[in-house]
Amino acid sequence: MSHDIVPRIPPNMPQVPPNRFTRWMGRTFLRVFGWKIVGTLPDIPKLVMIVAPHSSNWDGIWGMAAKIAMGFQVRVLGKAQLFWWPLSPLLRKLGVVPVDRSSPQGTVEQAVRMIRQSDKMWFALTPEGTRKRVDKWKGGFLKIAQQAQVPILMAYFHYPDKVVGIGDVYYPTGDMDTDMAAIRAWYQPWQGKNRGTV
């Protein structure tokens, strides 16, 4: 893996304060295990980023290493039960926001509110909603993007080539069935760790 594996950070996307040491740690971690980041980060201040296929807890490790290596800020929702000391301060520093997942509508509303109230916000989630193979993706990410009036960045894992990928930006049409079919078709080539494609 070359030393220039990390995409350029465009000026309008949310970034963490510069820290050469943590970025070096993220890059070194990926390099040691043979992983690379491919793609171009869009110069968009607000968006919903979806990541698939999600089939292993390792996805979070490679995804977090890539995030640290690139130095951008992304928010994710985490189970409120995870927020206990000493884990809570670390999770918040990593961009995890507590949410009560027993109320799906509340989750959408919380995410939309966060995006609307921010000047810059990348909000990430896994559309499958679980590590198990599912026939139907959850539509929350489309509802969030539509209600917040932001595009969707499609990111992916491709385990055969050890890739964390930054894909296309998708602008929802307002027709959830059409949007879901188009997005799932885009993800067909990418393979997760514990199962095949989406």
N, C-alpha and C. Protein backbone atom coordinates (compact mmCIF):
# COMPACT_ATOMS: atom_id res chain seq x y z
N MET A 1 0.84 -1.17 0.00
CA MET A 1 0.00 0.00 0.00
C MET A 1 0.89 1.23 0.00
N SER A 2 0.58 2.20 -0.85
CA SER A 2 1.37 3.42 -0.93
C SER A 2 1.01 4.34 0.22
N HIS A 3 1.83 5.40 0.39
CA HIS A 3 1.58 6.35 1.46
C HIS A 3 0.51 7.36 1.10
N ASP A 4 0.05 7.39 -0.15
CA ASP A 4 -0.95 8.36 -0.56
C ASP A 4 -2.32 7.72 -0.72
N ILE A 5 -2.62 6.78 0.18
CA ILE A 5 -3.91 6.08 0.09
C ILE A 5 -5.07 6.91 0.59
N VAL A 6 -4.81 7.98 1.31
CA VAL A 6 -5.89 8.75 1.92
C VAL A 6 -6.35 9.84 0.97
N PRO A 7 -7.64 9.86 0.64
CA PRO A 7 -8.15 10.89 -0.28
C PRO A 7 -7.99 12.29 0.30
N ARG A 8 -7.93 13.26 -0.59
CA ARG A 8 -7.84 14.66 -0.20
C ARG A 8 -9.13 15.07 0.51
N ILE A 9 -8.99 15.85 1.57
CA ILE A 9 -10.15 16.33 2.31
C ILE A 9 -10.60 17.66 1.71
N PRO A 10 -11.78 17.72 1.11
CA PRO A 10 -12.25 18.99 0.53
C PRO A 10 -12.65 19.98 1.63
N PRO A 11 -12.62 21.28 1.33
CA PRO A 11 -12.80 22.30 2.37
C PRO A 11 -14.17 22.36 3.01
N ASN A 12 -15.22 21.96 2.31
CA ASN A 12 -16.58 22.12 2.85
C ASN A 12 -17.10 20.94 3.66
N MET A 13 -16.35 19.85 3.70
CA MET A 13 -16.83 18.71 4.48
C MET A 13 -16.42 18.87 5.94
N PRO A 14 -17.16 18.27 6.87
CA PRO A 14 -16.81 18.39 8.29
C PRO A 14 -15.50 17.68 8.61
N GLN A 15 -14.64 18.38 9.33
CA GLN A 15 -13.33 17.83 9.67
C GLN A 15 -13.09 17.92 11.17
N VAL A 16 -12.25 17.04 11.67
CA VAL A 16 -11.81 17.14 13.06
C VAL A 16 -10.59 18.05 13.09
N PRO A 17 -10.26 18.63 14.26
CA PRO A 17 -9.05 19.45 14.34
C PRO A 17 -7.84 18.64 13.88
N PRO A 18 -6.92 19.25 13.13
CA PRO A 18 -5.77 18.51 12.61
C PRO A 18 -4.97 17.84 13.72
N ASN A 19 -4.66 16.58 13.52
CA ASN A 19 -3.85 15.83 14.48
C ASN A 19 -3.04 14.81 13.68
N ARG A 20 -1.81 15.16 13.40
CA ARG A 20 -0.96 14.30 12.56
C ARG A 20 -0.75 12.93 13.18
N PHE A 21 -0.67 12.87 14.51
CA PHE A 21 -0.41 11.59 15.16
C PHE A 21 -1.57 10.62 14.97
N THR A 22 -2.80 11.08 15.22
CA THR A 22 -3.93 10.15 15.08
C THR A 22 -4.14 9.75 13.63
N ARG A 23 -3.91 10.68 12.70
CA ARG A 23 -4.03 10.31 11.29
C ARG A 23 -2.96 9.28 10.91
N TRP A 24 -1.76 9.47 11.42
CA TRP A 24 -0.69 8.50 11.18
C TRP A 24 -1.09 7.14 11.75
N MET A 25 -1.69 7.14 12.94
CA MET A 25 -2.12 5.87 13.55
C MET A 25 -3.15 5.16 12.66
N GLY A 26 -4.14 5.91 12.17
CA GLY A 26 -5.15 5.31 11.31
C GLY A 26 -4.56 4.75 10.03
N ARG A 27 -3.67 5.52 9.41
CA ARG A 27 -3.04 5.06 8.16
C ARG A 27 -2.16 3.84 8.41
N THR A 28 -1.41 3.87 9.50
CA THR A 28 -0.52 2.76 9.81
C THR A 28 -1.32 1.49 10.09
N PHE A 29 -2.40 1.62 10.83
CA PHE A 29 -3.25 0.46 11.13
C PHE A 29 -3.76 -0.18 9.85
N LEU A 30 -4.27 0.64 8.94
CA LEU A 30 -4.76 0.11 7.66
C LEU A 30 -3.63 -0.53 6.87
N ARG A 31 -2.49 0.14 6.83
CA ARG A 31 -1.36 -0.35 6.03
C ARG A 31 -0.86 -1.70 6.55
N VAL A 32 -0.74 -1.82 7.88
CA VAL A 32 -0.24 -3.06 8.48
C VAL A 32 -1.12 -4.25 8.12
N PHE A 33 -2.42 -4.03 8.06
CA PHE A 33 -3.35 -5.13 7.77
C PHE A 33 -3.72 -5.22 6.29
N GLY A 34 -3.07 -4.41 5.45
CA GLY A 34 -3.26 -4.52 4.01
C GLY A 34 -4.49 -3.85 3.45
N TRP A 35 -5.12 -2.96 4.23
CA TRP A 35 -6.32 -2.28 3.76
C TRP A 35 -5.99 -0.96 3.09
N LYS A 36 -6.89 -0.51 2.22
CA LYS A 36 -6.71 0.77 1.55
C LYS A 36 -8.06 1.48 1.42
N ILE A 37 -7.97 2.79 1.21
CA ILE A 37 -9.15 3.62 0.99
C ILE A 37 -9.15 4.03 -0.47
N VAL A 38 -10.27 3.85 -1.14
CA VAL A 38 -10.36 4.26 -2.55
C VAL A 38 -11.55 5.20 -2.72
N GLY A 39 -11.46 6.06 -3.72
CA GLY A 39 -12.56 6.97 -4.01
C GLY A 39 -12.21 8.41 -3.68
N THR A 40 -13.15 9.30 -3.97
CA THR A 40 -12.97 10.73 -3.77
C THR A 40 -14.05 11.26 -2.84
N LEU A 41 -13.63 12.00 -1.84
CA LEU A 41 -14.58 12.58 -0.90
C LEU A 41 -15.27 13.78 -1.55
N PRO A 42 -16.60 13.84 -1.48
CA PRO A 42 -17.31 14.96 -2.10
C PRO A 42 -17.20 16.23 -1.25
N ASP A 43 -17.18 17.37 -1.91
CA ASP A 43 -17.08 18.66 -1.23
C ASP A 43 -18.49 19.15 -0.89
N ILE A 44 -19.12 18.43 0.03
CA ILE A 44 -20.51 18.69 0.41
C ILE A 44 -20.57 18.82 1.93
N PRO A 45 -21.12 19.91 2.46
CA PRO A 45 -21.10 20.11 3.91
C PRO A 45 -22.07 19.22 4.69
N LYS A 46 -23.19 18.84 4.09
CA LYS A 46 -24.18 18.02 4.79
C LYS A 46 -24.62 16.87 3.90
N LEU A 47 -24.64 15.67 4.47
CA LEU A 47 -25.14 14.51 3.73
C LEU A 47 -25.40 13.36 4.67
N VAL A 48 -26.09 12.36 4.15
CA VAL A 48 -26.25 11.08 4.83
C VAL A 48 -25.31 10.10 4.15
N MET A 49 -24.46 9.45 4.93
CA MET A 49 -23.54 8.45 4.38
C MET A 49 -24.02 7.07 4.79
N ILE A 50 -24.28 6.22 3.80
CA ILE A 50 -24.65 4.84 4.10
C ILE A 50 -23.46 3.94 3.80
N VAL A 51 -23.32 2.89 4.60
CA VAL A 51 -22.18 1.98 4.48
C VAL A 51 -22.71 0.55 4.42
N ALA A 52 -22.31 -0.18 3.38
CA ALA A 52 -22.73 -1.57 3.20
C ALA A 52 -21.68 -2.28 2.33
N PRO A 53 -21.65 -3.59 2.30
CA PRO A 53 -22.41 -4.51 3.14
C PRO A 53 -21.87 -4.50 4.58
N HIS A 54 -22.77 -4.68 5.52
CA HIS A 54 -22.41 -4.72 6.94
C HIS A 54 -22.66 -6.13 7.44
N SER A 55 -21.58 -6.91 7.59
CA SER A 55 -21.75 -8.32 7.94
C SER A 55 -20.86 -8.76 9.10
N SER A 56 -20.11 -7.82 9.70
CA SER A 56 -19.16 -8.20 10.74
C SER A 56 -18.87 -7.02 11.65
N ASN A 57 -18.52 -7.32 12.90
CA ASN A 57 -18.06 -6.25 13.79
C ASN A 57 -16.77 -5.61 13.29
N TRP A 58 -16.02 -6.34 12.47
CA TRP A 58 -14.79 -5.79 11.89
C TRP A 58 -15.08 -4.57 11.02
N ASP A 59 -16.28 -4.48 10.47
CA ASP A 59 -16.63 -3.32 9.64
C ASP A 59 -16.41 -2.02 10.41
N GLY A 60 -16.82 -2.02 11.68
CA GLY A 60 -16.66 -0.82 12.50
C GLY A 60 -15.20 -0.48 12.73
N ILE A 61 -14.36 -1.50 12.87
CA ILE A 61 -12.93 -1.26 13.10
C ILE A 61 -12.28 -0.66 11.86
N TRP A 62 -12.53 -1.28 10.68
CA TRP A 62 -11.93 -0.74 9.44
C TRP A 62 -12.51 0.63 9.12
N GLY A 63 -13.81 0.80 9.35
CA GLY A 63 -14.43 2.09 9.08
C GLY A 63 -13.88 3.18 9.98
N MET A 64 -13.71 2.88 11.26
CA MET A 64 -13.18 3.88 12.19
C MET A 64 -11.72 4.19 11.87
N ALA A 65 -10.94 3.17 11.50
CA ALA A 65 -9.55 3.42 11.12
C ALA A 65 -9.47 4.34 9.90
N ALA A 66 -10.36 4.11 8.93
CA ALA A 66 -10.37 4.95 7.73
C ALA A 66 -10.78 6.38 8.08
N LYS A 67 -11.77 6.52 8.93
CA LYS A 67 -12.22 7.85 9.37
C LYS A 67 -11.08 8.60 10.06
N ILE A 68 -10.38 7.93 10.96
CA ILE A 68 -9.27 8.56 11.68
C ILE A 68 -8.14 8.91 10.71
N ALA A 69 -7.85 8.00 9.78
CA ALA A 69 -6.77 8.25 8.81
C ALA A 69 -7.06 9.46 7.94
N MET A 70 -8.33 9.65 7.56
CA MET A 70 -8.70 10.77 6.70
C MET A 70 -8.92 12.06 7.48
N GLY A 71 -9.28 11.95 8.74
CA GLY A 71 -9.46 13.14 9.56
C GLY A 71 -10.76 13.87 9.36
N PHE A 72 -11.80 13.17 8.92
CA PHE A 72 -13.09 13.86 8.79
C PHE A 72 -14.01 13.47 9.93
N GLN A 73 -15.00 14.31 10.16
CA GLN A 73 -15.96 14.09 11.25
C GLN A 73 -17.24 13.49 10.69
N VAL A 74 -17.69 12.43 11.31
CA VAL A 74 -18.96 11.82 10.92
C VAL A 74 -19.70 11.46 12.20
N ARG A 75 -21.00 11.63 12.19
CA ARG A 75 -21.81 11.29 13.35
C ARG A 75 -22.56 9.99 13.08
N VAL A 76 -22.64 9.16 14.10
CA VAL A 76 -23.41 7.92 14.01
C VAL A 76 -24.26 7.80 15.27
N LEU A 77 -25.35 7.08 15.16
CA LEU A 77 -26.19 6.83 16.32
C LEU A 77 -25.79 5.51 16.96
N GLY A 78 -25.70 5.50 18.27
CA GLY A 78 -25.38 4.29 19.01
C GLY A 78 -26.43 4.03 20.07
N LYS A 79 -26.57 2.78 20.46
CA LYS A 79 -27.54 2.42 21.49
C LYS A 79 -27.26 3.20 22.77
N ALA A 80 -28.30 3.75 23.36
CA ALA A 80 -28.14 4.53 24.59
C ALA A 80 -27.52 3.69 25.71
N GLN A 81 -27.74 2.36 25.66
CA GLN A 81 -27.21 1.47 26.70
C GLN A 81 -25.68 1.43 26.71
N LEU A 82 -25.04 1.83 25.60
CA LEU A 82 -23.57 1.81 25.53
C LEU A 82 -22.94 2.98 26.27
N PHE A 83 -23.74 3.98 26.59
CA PHE A 83 -23.18 5.21 27.14
C PHE A 83 -23.11 5.17 28.67
N TRP A 84 -22.10 4.45 29.15
CA TRP A 84 -21.80 4.38 30.57
C TRP A 84 -20.31 4.64 30.74
N TRP A 85 -19.94 5.15 31.89
CA TRP A 85 -18.53 5.47 32.13
C TRP A 85 -17.73 4.18 32.28
N PRO A 86 -16.53 4.07 31.72
CA PRO A 86 -15.73 5.10 31.06
C PRO A 86 -15.90 5.14 29.53
N LEU A 87 -16.84 4.36 29.00
CA LEU A 87 -16.99 4.28 27.54
C LEU A 87 -17.63 5.53 26.95
N SER A 88 -18.51 6.16 27.68
CA SER A 88 -19.28 7.29 27.16
C SER A 88 -18.42 8.43 26.59
N PRO A 89 -17.40 8.93 27.31
CA PRO A 89 -16.60 10.03 26.75
C PRO A 89 -15.88 9.64 25.45
N LEU A 90 -15.40 8.40 25.38
CA LEU A 90 -14.72 7.94 24.17
C LEU A 90 -15.68 7.89 22.99
N LEU A 91 -16.88 7.34 23.21
CA LEU A 91 -17.86 7.25 22.14
C LEU A 91 -18.23 8.63 21.61
N ARG A 92 -18.44 9.57 22.51
CA ARG A 92 -18.79 10.93 22.08
C ARG A 92 -17.65 11.56 21.28
N LYS A 93 -16.43 11.33 21.70
CA LYS A 93 -15.27 11.87 20.98
C LYS A 93 -15.17 11.29 19.58
N LEU A 94 -15.60 10.04 19.42
CA LEU A 94 -15.56 9.38 18.11
C LEU A 94 -16.77 9.73 17.24
N GLY A 95 -17.69 10.54 17.76
CA GLY A 95 -18.82 10.99 16.96
C GLY A 95 -20.09 10.18 17.14
N VAL A 96 -20.12 9.32 18.17
CA VAL A 96 -21.31 8.50 18.41
C VAL A 96 -22.29 9.28 19.28
N VAL A 97 -23.55 9.30 18.86
CA VAL A 97 -24.61 10.02 19.56
C VAL A 97 -25.60 9.00 20.12
N PRO A 98 -25.95 9.09 21.42
CA PRO A 98 -26.88 8.10 21.99
C PRO A 98 -28.29 8.26 21.44
N VAL A 99 -28.96 7.13 21.21
CA VAL A 99 -30.33 7.16 20.70
C VAL A 99 -31.10 5.99 21.30
N ASP A 100 -32.38 6.22 21.53
CA ASP A 100 -33.28 5.15 21.97
C ASP A 100 -33.85 4.50 20.73
N ARG A 101 -33.36 3.31 20.39
CA ARG A 101 -33.77 2.66 19.15
C ARG A 101 -35.13 1.99 19.24
N SER A 102 -35.76 2.05 20.39
CA SER A 102 -37.10 1.45 20.50
C SER A 102 -38.14 2.28 19.77
N SER A 103 -37.77 3.50 19.37
CA SER A 103 -38.70 4.37 18.64
C SER A 103 -38.08 4.74 17.30
N PRO A 104 -38.33 3.94 16.23
CA PRO A 104 -37.73 4.21 14.93
C PRO A 104 -38.03 5.61 14.40
N GLN A 105 -39.27 6.07 14.58
CA GLN A 105 -39.61 7.41 14.10
C GLN A 105 -38.80 8.46 14.83
N GLY A 106 -38.58 8.22 16.13
CA GLY A 106 -37.76 9.14 16.91
C GLY A 106 -36.34 9.21 16.41
N THR A 107 -35.81 8.08 15.94
CA THR A 107 -34.46 8.04 15.40
C THR A 107 -34.35 8.92 14.16
N VAL A 108 -35.30 8.81 13.26
CA VAL A 108 -35.31 9.64 12.05
C VAL A 108 -35.39 11.11 12.42
N GLU A 109 -36.30 11.44 13.32
CA GLU A 109 -36.47 12.83 13.73
C GLU A 109 -35.22 13.39 14.39
N GLN A 110 -34.56 12.57 15.21
CA GLN A 110 -33.34 13.03 15.88
C GLN A 110 -32.24 13.30 14.86
N ALA A 111 -32.09 12.42 13.89
CA ALA A 111 -31.06 12.60 12.87
C ALA A 111 -31.34 13.84 12.01
N VAL A 112 -32.59 14.01 11.61
CA VAL A 112 -32.96 15.18 10.79
C VAL A 112 -32.69 16.46 11.55
N ARG A 113 -33.05 16.48 12.82
CA ARG A 113 -32.84 17.67 13.64
C ARG A 113 -31.34 17.99 13.76
N MET A 114 -30.52 16.97 13.97
CA MET A 114 -29.07 17.17 14.07
C MET A 114 -28.51 17.77 12.79
N ILE A 115 -28.94 17.25 11.65
CA ILE A 115 -28.43 17.75 10.37
C ILE A 115 -28.87 19.18 10.13
N ARG A 116 -30.15 19.46 10.37
CA ARG A 116 -30.67 20.81 10.13
C ARG A 116 -30.00 21.85 11.02
N GLN A 117 -29.66 21.47 12.24
CA GLN A 117 -29.09 22.43 13.19
C GLN A 117 -27.58 22.62 13.02
N SER A 118 -26.97 21.89 12.11
CA SER A 118 -25.52 21.96 11.92
C SER A 118 -25.17 22.68 10.62
N ASP A 119 -24.06 23.40 10.64
CA ASP A 119 -23.55 24.00 9.41
C ASP A 119 -22.91 22.93 8.53
N LYS A 120 -22.25 21.98 9.19
CA LYS A 120 -21.62 20.86 8.49
C LYS A 120 -21.93 19.59 9.27
N MET A 121 -22.43 18.59 8.58
CA MET A 121 -22.78 17.34 9.27
C MET A 121 -22.83 16.19 8.27
N TRP A 122 -21.96 15.20 8.49
CA TRP A 122 -22.08 13.93 7.78
C TRP A 122 -22.63 12.93 8.78
N PHE A 123 -23.76 12.35 8.42
CA PHE A 123 -24.44 11.41 9.31
C PHE A 123 -24.38 10.03 8.67
N ALA A 124 -23.81 9.06 9.38
CA ALA A 124 -23.59 7.73 8.79
C ALA A 124 -24.45 6.66 9.46
N LEU A 125 -24.86 5.69 8.65
CA LEU A 125 -25.58 4.53 9.17
C LEU A 125 -25.50 3.37 8.18
N THR A 126 -25.84 2.19 8.67
CA THR A 126 -25.87 1.01 7.81
C THR A 126 -27.32 0.74 7.43
N PRO A 127 -27.64 0.76 6.14
CA PRO A 127 -29.04 0.60 5.72
C PRO A 127 -29.61 -0.78 5.99
N GLU A 128 -28.74 -1.77 6.15
CA GLU A 128 -29.24 -3.11 6.45
C GLU A 128 -29.76 -3.22 7.88
N GLY A 129 -29.20 -2.41 8.77
CA GLY A 129 -29.67 -2.39 10.15
C GLY A 129 -29.23 -3.57 11.00
N THR A 130 -28.47 -4.48 10.43
CA THR A 130 -28.02 -5.68 11.13
C THR A 130 -26.87 -6.30 10.36
N ARG A 131 -26.11 -7.18 11.03
CA ARG A 131 -25.02 -7.88 10.33
C ARG A 131 -25.53 -9.09 9.56
N LYS A 132 -26.76 -9.51 9.84
CA LYS A 132 -27.33 -10.66 9.13
C LYS A 132 -27.79 -10.24 7.74
N ARG A 133 -27.84 -11.20 6.83
CA ARG A 133 -28.35 -10.90 5.50
C ARG A 133 -29.85 -10.61 5.58
N VAL A 134 -30.28 -9.56 4.92
CA VAL A 134 -31.69 -9.20 4.91
C VAL A 134 -32.16 -9.03 3.47
N ASP A 135 -33.43 -9.34 3.25
CA ASP A 135 -34.00 -9.16 1.91
C ASP A 135 -34.42 -7.72 1.67
N LYS A 136 -34.74 -7.04 2.76
CA LYS A 136 -35.24 -5.66 2.63
C LYS A 136 -34.43 -4.73 3.52
N TRP A 137 -33.93 -3.65 2.94
CA TRP A 137 -33.21 -2.66 3.72
C TRP A 137 -34.19 -1.76 4.45
N LYS A 138 -33.73 -1.21 5.57
CA LYS A 138 -34.52 -0.23 6.30
C LYS A 138 -34.52 1.09 5.52
N GLY A 139 -35.64 1.77 5.49
CA GLY A 139 -35.76 2.99 4.71
C GLY A 139 -35.45 4.27 5.46
N GLY A 140 -34.97 4.14 6.70
CA GLY A 140 -34.70 5.32 7.51
C GLY A 140 -33.73 6.30 6.88
N PHE A 141 -32.69 5.77 6.22
CA PHE A 141 -31.69 6.67 5.63
C PHE A 141 -32.29 7.53 4.53
N LEU A 142 -33.24 6.96 3.76
CA LEU A 142 -33.91 7.75 2.72
C LEU A 142 -34.82 8.81 3.34
N LYS A 143 -35.52 8.44 4.40
CA LYS A 143 -36.39 9.41 5.08
C LYS A 143 -35.57 10.56 5.65
N ILE A 144 -34.43 10.22 6.25
CA ILE A 144 -33.57 11.26 6.82
C ILE A 144 -33.08 12.20 5.72
N ALA A 145 -32.58 11.63 4.62
CA ALA A 145 -32.05 12.46 3.53
C ALA A 145 -33.14 13.35 2.93
N GLN A 146 -34.32 12.79 2.72
CA GLN A 146 -35.41 13.57 2.13
C GLN A 146 -35.88 14.68 3.06
N GLN A 147 -36.07 14.36 4.33
CA GLN A 147 -36.57 15.37 5.26
C GLN A 147 -35.54 16.45 5.56
N ALA A 148 -34.26 16.07 5.58
CA ALA A 148 -33.20 17.05 5.82
C ALA A 148 -32.77 17.74 4.53
N GLN A 149 -33.25 17.24 3.39
CA GLN A 149 -32.93 17.78 2.06
C GLN A 149 -31.42 17.76 1.79
N VAL A 150 -30.85 16.57 1.98
CA VAL A 150 -29.42 16.38 1.72
C VAL A 150 -29.24 15.14 0.85
N PRO A 151 -28.11 15.04 0.13
CA PRO A 151 -27.84 13.86 -0.68
C PRO A 151 -27.33 12.69 0.16
N ILE A 152 -27.15 11.56 -0.50
CA ILE A 152 -26.67 10.33 0.14
C ILE A 152 -25.33 9.96 -0.47
N LEU A 153 -24.32 9.76 0.38
CA LEU A 153 -23.02 9.27 -0.07
C LEU A 153 -22.98 7.77 0.16
N MET A 154 -22.68 7.01 -0.88
CA MET A 154 -22.65 5.56 -0.78
C MET A 154 -21.21 5.09 -0.55
N ALA A 155 -20.95 4.60 0.65
CA ALA A 155 -19.63 4.07 1.00
C ALA A 155 -19.76 2.55 1.15
N TYR A 156 -18.64 1.85 1.04
CA TYR A 156 -18.74 0.39 1.02
C TYR A 156 -17.49 -0.28 1.56
N PHE A 157 -17.64 -1.54 1.91
CA PHE A 157 -16.53 -2.44 2.21
C PHE A 157 -16.47 -3.47 1.10
N HIS A 158 -15.25 -3.81 0.69
CA HIS A 158 -15.08 -4.90 -0.26
C HIS A 158 -13.93 -5.76 0.27
N TYR A 159 -14.30 -6.80 1.01
CA TYR A 159 -13.31 -7.60 1.73
C TYR A 159 -12.33 -8.37 0.84
N PRO A 160 -12.73 -8.87 -0.34
CA PRO A 160 -11.75 -9.59 -1.15
C PRO A 160 -10.51 -8.76 -1.47
N ASP A 161 -10.68 -7.45 -1.65
CA ASP A 161 -9.55 -6.56 -1.96
C ASP A 161 -9.15 -5.69 -0.78
N LYS A 162 -9.75 -5.91 0.39
CA LYS A 162 -9.47 -5.12 1.59
C LYS A 162 -9.62 -3.63 1.31
N VAL A 163 -10.81 -3.25 0.89
CA VAL A 163 -11.08 -1.86 0.49
C VAL A 163 -12.17 -1.25 1.37
N VAL A 164 -11.89 -0.05 1.84
CA VAL A 164 -12.93 0.85 2.35
C VAL A 164 -13.15 1.85 1.22
N GLY A 165 -14.34 1.84 0.63
CA GLY A 165 -14.57 2.63 -0.57
C GLY A 165 -15.51 3.81 -0.37
N ILE A 166 -15.19 4.89 -1.05
CA ILE A 166 -16.06 6.08 -1.09
C ILE A 166 -16.66 6.10 -2.48
N GLY A 167 -17.96 5.92 -2.55
CA GLY A 167 -18.61 5.78 -3.84
C GLY A 167 -19.31 7.03 -4.32
N ASP A 168 -20.42 6.82 -5.00
CA ASP A 168 -21.16 7.90 -5.63
C ASP A 168 -22.03 8.67 -4.63
N VAL A 169 -22.38 9.88 -5.03
CA VAL A 169 -23.36 10.68 -4.30
C VAL A 169 -24.69 10.52 -5.01
N TYR A 170 -25.72 10.17 -4.26
CA TYR A 170 -27.06 9.93 -4.82
C TYR A 170 -28.03 10.98 -4.30
N TYR A 171 -28.78 11.58 -5.21
CA TYR A 171 -29.79 12.57 -4.83
C TYR A 171 -31.17 11.91 -4.89
N PRO A 172 -31.83 11.74 -3.75
CA PRO A 172 -33.13 11.07 -3.74
C PRO A 172 -34.15 11.76 -4.64
N THR A 173 -34.97 10.94 -5.28
CA THR A 173 -35.99 11.46 -6.19
C THR A 173 -37.30 11.78 -5.46
N GLY A 174 -37.45 11.21 -4.26
CA GLY A 174 -38.72 11.34 -3.55
C GLY A 174 -39.57 10.09 -3.67
N ASP A 175 -39.22 9.21 -4.60
CA ASP A 175 -39.90 7.92 -4.76
C ASP A 175 -39.04 6.87 -4.05
N MET A 176 -39.45 6.45 -2.87
CA MET A 176 -38.61 5.57 -2.07
C MET A 176 -38.33 4.24 -2.74
N ASP A 177 -39.30 3.68 -3.45
CA ASP A 177 -39.09 2.39 -4.12
C ASP A 177 -38.03 2.52 -5.22
N THR A 178 -38.14 3.59 -6.01
CA THR A 178 -37.16 3.83 -7.08
C THR A 178 -35.78 4.06 -6.50
N ASP A 179 -35.71 4.89 -5.47
CA ASP A 179 -34.41 5.20 -4.85
C ASP A 179 -33.78 3.96 -4.25
N MET A 180 -34.56 3.17 -3.53
CA MET A 180 -34.02 1.98 -2.88
C MET A 180 -33.51 0.99 -3.92
N ALA A 181 -34.25 0.79 -4.99
CA ALA A 181 -33.81 -0.14 -6.04
C ALA A 181 -32.51 0.32 -6.68
N ALA A 182 -32.40 1.61 -6.95
CA ALA A 182 -31.19 2.14 -7.59
C ALA A 182 -29.98 2.02 -6.67
N ILE A 183 -30.17 2.31 -5.40
CA ILE A 183 -29.05 2.25 -4.45
C ILE A 183 -28.61 0.81 -4.22
N ARG A 184 -29.56 -0.10 -4.05
CA ARG A 184 -29.18 -1.50 -3.85
C ARG A 184 -28.48 -2.07 -5.07
N ALA A 185 -28.91 -1.68 -6.25
CA ALA A 185 -28.25 -2.14 -7.47
C ALA A 185 -26.81 -1.65 -7.52
N TRP A 186 -26.58 -0.42 -7.07
CA TRP A 186 -25.22 0.13 -7.07
C TRP A 186 -24.30 -0.70 -6.16
N TYR A 187 -24.84 -1.24 -5.08
CA TYR A 187 -24.04 -1.98 -4.10
C TYR A 187 -23.77 -3.43 -4.50
N GLN A 188 -24.35 -3.91 -5.57
CA GLN A 188 -24.24 -5.33 -5.92
C GLN A 188 -22.80 -5.87 -6.02
N PRO A 189 -21.84 -5.12 -6.55
CA PRO A 189 -20.50 -5.71 -6.70
C PRO A 189 -19.72 -5.91 -5.40
N TRP A 190 -20.10 -5.24 -4.33
CA TRP A 190 -19.25 -5.21 -3.13
C TRP A 190 -19.58 -6.35 -2.18
N GLN A 191 -18.53 -6.96 -1.63
CA GLN A 191 -18.69 -8.16 -0.80
C GLN A 191 -18.25 -7.91 0.64
N GLY A 192 -19.10 -8.34 1.58
CA GLY A 192 -18.79 -8.22 3.00
C GLY A 192 -17.90 -9.35 3.48
N LYS A 193 -17.58 -9.33 4.76
CA LYS A 193 -16.69 -10.34 5.33
C LYS A 193 -17.36 -11.70 5.47
N ASN A 194 -18.57 -11.73 6.03
CA ASN A 194 -19.21 -12.99 6.38
C ASN A 194 -20.31 -13.43 5.44
N ARG A 195 -20.50 -12.71 4.37
CA ARG A 195 -21.47 -13.12 3.36
C ARG A 195 -21.12 -12.41 2.07
N GLY A 196 -21.85 -12.74 1.04
CA GLY A 196 -21.56 -12.15 -0.26
C GLY A 196 -22.06 -10.73 -0.36
N THR A 197 -22.54 -10.39 -1.52
CA THR A 197 -22.99 -9.03 -1.78
C THR A 197 -24.33 -8.77 -1.11
N VAL A 198 -24.77 -7.51 -1.18
CA VAL A 198 -26.05 -7.14 -0.59
C VAL A 198 -27.18 -7.75 -1.39
